[in-house]
Amino acid sequence: MFRCTARPAVPLPRALRGFLIAGAVAFCGPAMAQQAQRNFPQNALRGELTVTQPPELLLNGAPARLAPGARIKGGSNLLVMSAAIVGQKYAVNYTLDTYGLVKDVWLLREDELARQPWPRSAVEAARWAFDPIAQTWARP
């Protein structure tokens, strides 16, 4: 019965290995340093959030509540626990579920906060036009 035998691997010279590793780091370094653009849904509203006692919070100065299974995402799009941000005020984009509970929250970075205008209520969102690719709103 014929069997294939593996050839022994030829080791790369140490200098060539170092050169390849340095090239890979130089190639990938700038790409890893950039933050990806986060795409927000059309029903996302902008507001100011302060977690008081999870799941209770203040949203634009009014009492609100986090929905069961709500997600709070930080600037790097990683999950943030509500207990970790108690008492701190954040500019956020958020969505509400059908019961009016806060479902998804994105803590905004400076570049995202600079995207103006952004609706603060469902009435404004219904009147304005949303461009999902550019992630911008246009007033009529």
C-alpha atoms as a PDB file:
ATOM      1  CA  MET A   1       0.000   0.000   0.000  1.00  0.00           C
ATOM      2  CA  PHE A   2       1.374   3.399  -0.999  1.00  0.00           C
ATOM      3  CA  ARG A   3       1.672   6.006   1.749  1.00  0.00           C
ATOM      4  CA  CYS A   4       2.738   9.585   1.431  1.00  0.00           C
ATOM      5  CA  THR A   5       5.462  10.588   3.754  1.00  0.00           C
ATOM      6  CA  ALA A   6       5.835  14.168   4.848  1.00  0.00           C
ATOM      7  CA  ARG A   7       9.026  15.879   3.887  1.00  0.00           C
ATOM      8  CA  PRO A   8      10.927  17.463   6.708  1.00  0.00           C
ATOM      9  CA  ALA A   9      10.319  21.209   6.891  1.00  0.00           C
ATOM     10  CA  VAL A  10      13.205  23.393   5.866  1.00  0.00           C
ATOM     11  CA  PRO A  11      13.796  25.946   8.605  1.00  0.00           C
ATOM     12  CA  LEU A  12      13.965  29.587   7.585  1.00  0.00           C
ATOM     13  CA  PRO A  13      17.100  31.477   8.459  1.00  0.00           C
ATOM     14  CA  ARG A  14      16.741  33.539  11.618  1.00  0.00           C
ATOM     15  CA  ALA A  15      17.227  36.856   9.799  1.00  0.00           C
ATOM     16  CA  LEU A  16      14.493  36.014   7.271  1.00  0.00           C
ATOM     17  CA  ARG A  17      12.052  35.040  10.031  1.00  0.00           C
ATOM     18  CA  GLY A  18      12.693  38.335  11.817  1.00  0.00           C
ATOM     19  CA  PHE A  19      12.188  40.264   8.597  1.00  0.00           C
ATOM     20  CA  LEU A  20       8.855  38.515   7.913  1.00  0.00           C
ATOM     21  CA  ILE A  21       7.582  39.146  11.447  1.00  0.00           C
ATOM     22  CA  ALA A  22       8.585  42.820  11.301  1.00  0.00           C
ATOM     23  CA  GLY A  23       6.861  43.181   7.938  1.00  0.00           C
ATOM     24  CA  ALA A  24       3.653  41.629   9.251  1.00  0.00           C
ATOM     25  CA  VAL A  25       3.626  43.938  12.277  1.00  0.00           C
ATOM     26  CA  ALA A  26       4.283  46.996  10.111  1.00  0.00           C
ATOM     27  CA  PHE A  27       1.504  45.966   7.729  1.00  0.00           C
ATOM     28  CA  CYS A  28      -1.120  45.211  10.398  1.00  0.00           C
ATOM     29  CA  GLY A  29      -0.184  47.868  12.963  1.00  0.00           C
ATOM     30  CA  PRO A  30      -1.980  50.874  11.413  1.00  0.00           C
ATOM     31  CA  ALA A  31      -5.070  48.807  10.658  1.00  0.00           C
ATOM     32  CA  MET A  32      -5.362  47.669  14.271  1.00  0.00           C
ATOM     33  CA  ALA A  33      -4.942  51.213  15.582  1.00  0.00           C
ATOM     34  CA  GLN A  34      -7.963  52.519  13.673  1.00  0.00           C
ATOM     35  CA  GLN A  35     -11.406  52.214  15.173  1.00  0.00           C
ATOM     36  CA  ALA A  36     -14.072  50.783  12.937  1.00  0.00           C
ATOM     37  CA  GLN A  37     -17.139  52.840  12.149  1.00  0.00           C
ATOM     38  CA  ARG A  38     -20.101  51.579  14.108  1.00  0.00           C
ATOM     39  CA  ASN A  39     -23.377  51.421  12.226  1.00  0.00           C
ATOM     40  CA  PHE A  40     -26.388  52.476  14.260  1.00  0.00           C
ATOM     41  CA  PRO A  41     -29.920  51.394  13.352  1.00  0.00           C
ATOM     42  CA  GLN A  42     -32.408  53.915  11.992  1.00  0.00           C
ATOM     43  CA  ASN A  43     -34.454  53.816  15.198  1.00  0.00           C
ATOM     44  CA  ALA A  44     -31.462  54.817  17.365  1.00  0.00           C
ATOM     45  CA  LEU A  45     -31.991  58.078  19.217  1.00  0.00           C
ATOM     46  CA  ARG A  46     -29.389  60.301  20.860  1.00  0.00           C
ATOM     47  CA  GLY A  47     -29.534  61.169  24.518  1.00  0.00           C
ATOM     48  CA  GLU A  48     -27.755  61.520  27.813  1.00  0.00           C
ATOM     49  CA  LEU A  49     -27.652  58.487  30.086  1.00  0.00           C
ATOM     50  CA  THR A  50     -26.867  58.111  33.766  1.00  0.00           C
ATOM     51  CA  VAL A  51     -27.216  54.713  35.435  1.00  0.00           C
ATOM     52  CA  THR A  52     -28.562  55.249  38.954  1.00  0.00           C
ATOM     53  CA  GLN A  53     -29.268  51.774  40.361  1.00  0.00           C
ATOM     54  CA  PRO A  54     -29.252  49.027  37.703  1.00  0.00           C
ATOM     55  CA  PRO A  55     -31.603  48.461  35.927  1.00  0.00           C
ATOM     56  CA  GLU A  56     -32.885  51.953  36.780  1.00  0.00           C
ATOM     57  CA  LEU A  57     -31.388  54.918  34.929  1.00  0.00           C
ATOM     58  CA  LEU A  58     -31.953  58.503  33.905  1.00  0.00           C
ATOM     59  CA  LEU A  59     -32.367  59.047  30.184  1.00  0.00           C
ATOM     60  CA  ASN A  60     -32.365  62.724  29.190  1.00  0.00           C
ATOM     61  CA  GLY A  61     -33.161  63.552  32.816  1.00  0.00           C
ATOM     62  CA  ALA A  62     -36.266  61.327  32.955  1.00  0.00           C
ATOM     63  CA  PRO A  63     -36.455  57.986  34.780  1.00  0.00           C
ATOM     64  CA  ALA A  64     -36.155  54.933  32.528  1.00  0.00           C
ATOM     65  CA  ARG A  65     -35.365  51.250  32.869  1.00  0.00           C
ATOM     66  CA  LEU A  66     -33.121  48.779  31.052  1.00  0.00           C
ATOM     67  CA  ALA A  67     -34.917  45.950  29.297  1.00  0.00           C
ATOM     68  CA  PRO A  68     -34.082  42.378  30.262  1.00  0.00           C
ATOM     69  CA  GLY A  69     -31.112  41.417  28.098  1.00  0.00           C
ATOM     70  CA  ALA A  70     -30.205  45.033  27.341  1.00  0.00           C
ATOM     71  CA  ARG A  71     -26.726  45.611  25.927  1.00  0.00           C
ATOM     72  CA  ILE A  72     -24.498  48.573  26.694  1.00  0.00           C
ATOM     73  CA  LYS A  73     -21.566  48.868  24.288  1.00  0.00           C
ATOM     74  CA  GLY A  74     -18.515  51.022  24.993  1.00  0.00           C
ATOM     75  CA  GLY A  75     -16.442  53.037  22.528  1.00  0.00           C
ATOM     76  CA  SER A  76     -14.579  49.921  21.374  1.00  0.00           C
ATOM     77  CA  ASN A  77     -17.922  48.115  20.861  1.00  0.00           C
ATOM     78  CA  LEU A  78     -17.273  45.777  23.797  1.00  0.00           C
ATOM     79  CA  LEU A  79     -20.003  45.140  26.345  1.00  0.00           C
ATOM     80  CA  VAL A  80     -20.029  47.319  29.439  1.00  0.00           C
ATOM     81  CA  MET A  81     -21.821  46.197  32.586  1.00  0.00           C
ATOM     82  CA  SER A  82     -24.346  48.717  33.880  1.00  0.00           C
ATOM     83  CA  ALA A  83     -22.970  48.463  37.424  1.00  0.00           C
ATOM     84  CA  ALA A  84     -19.552  49.612  36.166  1.00  0.00           C
ATOM     85  CA  ILE A  85     -20.892  53.004  35.027  1.00  0.00           C
ATOM     86  CA  VAL A  86     -23.188  53.904  37.932  1.00  0.00           C
ATOM     87  CA  GLY A  87     -23.359  57.650  38.543  1.00  0.00           C
ATOM     88  CA  GLN A  88     -21.474  58.667  35.383  1.00  0.00           C
ATOM     89  CA  LYS A  89     -23.092  60.747  32.647  1.00  0.00           C
ATOM     90  CA  TYR A  90     -22.599  59.626  29.018  1.00  0.00           C
ATOM     91  CA  ALA A  91     -23.691  60.843  25.601  1.00  0.00           C
ATOM     92  CA  VAL A  92     -25.307  57.807  23.989  1.00  0.00           C
ATOM     93  CA  ASN A  93     -27.299  56.457  21.091  1.00  0.00           C
ATOM     94  CA  TYR A  94     -30.027  54.099  22.264  1.00  0.00           C
ATOM     95  CA  THR A  95     -32.995  52.075  21.081  1.00  0.00           C
ATOM     96  CA  LEU A  96     -36.240  51.267  22.868  1.00  0.00           C
ATOM     97  CA  ASP A  97     -38.215  48.045  22.769  1.00  0.00           C
ATOM     98  CA  THR A  98     -41.983  47.793  22.266  1.00  0.00           C
ATOM     99  CA  TYR A  99     -42.627  48.364  25.974  1.00  0.00           C
ATOM    100  CA  GLY A 100     -40.558  51.560  26.084  1.00  0.00           C
ATOM    101  CA  LEU A 101     -37.629  49.952  27.906  1.00  0.00           C
ATOM    102  CA  VAL A 102     -34.062  50.786  26.875  1.00  0.00           C
ATOM    103  CA  LYS A 103     -32.856  47.890  24.727  1.00  0.00           C
ATOM    104  CA  ASP A 104     -29.476  48.813  23.180  1.00  0.00           C
ATOM    105  CA  VAL A 105     -27.076  51.545  24.269  1.00  0.00           C
ATOM    106  CA  TRP A 106     -23.901  52.745  22.558  1.00  0.00           C
ATOM    107  CA  LEU A 107     -21.563  54.982  24.580  1.00  0.00           C
ATOM    108  CA  LEU A 108     -20.422  57.497  21.976  1.00  0.00           C
ATOM    109  CA  ARG A 109     -16.857  58.361  21.022  1.00  0.00           C
ATOM    110  CA  GLU A 110     -15.878  61.911  20.081  1.00  0.00           C
ATOM    111  CA  ASP A 111     -16.075  61.231  16.325  1.00  0.00           C
ATOM    112  CA  GLU A 112     -19.554  59.720  16.675  1.00  0.00           C
ATOM    113  CA  LEU A 113     -20.724  62.565  18.870  1.00  0.00           C
ATOM    114  CA  ALA A 114     -19.611  65.027  16.180  1.00  0.00           C
ATOM    115  CA  ARG A 115     -22.119  63.559  13.687  1.00  0.00           C
ATOM    116  CA  GLN A 116     -24.831  66.186  13.818  1.00  0.00           C
ATOM    117  CA  PRO A 117     -27.781  66.371  13.639  1.00  0.00           C
ATOM    118  CA  TRP A 118     -29.082  63.205  15.274  1.00  0.00           C
ATOM    119  CA  PRO A 119     -32.714  62.864  16.418  1.00  0.00           C
ATOM    120  CA  ARG A 120     -33.465  63.006  20.125  1.00  0.00           C
ATOM    121  CA  SER A 121     -37.072  61.789  19.854  1.00  0.00           C
ATOM    122  CA  ALA A 122     -39.146  59.431  17.731  1.00  0.00           C
ATOM    123  CA  VAL A 123     -41.053  62.432  16.337  1.00  0.00           C
ATOM    124  CA  GLU A 124     -37.831  63.972  14.999  1.00  0.00           C
ATOM    125  CA  ALA A 125     -36.722  60.608  13.573  1.00  0.00           C
ATOM    126  CA  ALA A 126     -40.043  60.267  11.727  1.00  0.00           C
ATOM    127  CA  ARG A 127     -39.644  63.710  10.117  1.00  0.00           C
ATOM    128  CA  TRP A 128     -35.967  63.489   9.161  1.00  0.00           C
ATOM    129  CA  ALA A 129     -34.293  61.402   6.452  1.00  0.00           C
ATOM    130  CA  PHE A 130     -31.642  58.823   7.414  1.00  0.00           C
ATOM    131  CA  ASP A 131     -28.723  57.739   5.218  1.00  0.00           C
ATOM    132  CA  PRO A 132     -27.662  54.319   6.586  1.00  0.00           C
ATOM    133  CA  ILE A 133     -24.416  54.187   4.602  1.00  0.00           C
ATOM    134  CA  ALA A 134     -23.073  57.583   5.683  1.00  0.00           C
ATOM    135  CA  GLN A 135     -24.764  57.264   9.091  1.00  0.00           C
ATOM    136  CA  THR A 136     -26.153  60.811   8.865  1.00  0.00           C
ATOM    137  CA  TRP A 137     -29.541  62.446   9.278  1.00  0.00           C
ATOM    138  CA  ALA A 138     -30.905  65.273   7.125  1.00  0.00           C
ATOM    139  CA  ARG A 139     -33.537  67.700   8.330  1.00  0.00           C
ATOM    140  CA  PRO A 140     -36.309  68.594   5.877  1.00  0.00           C
END
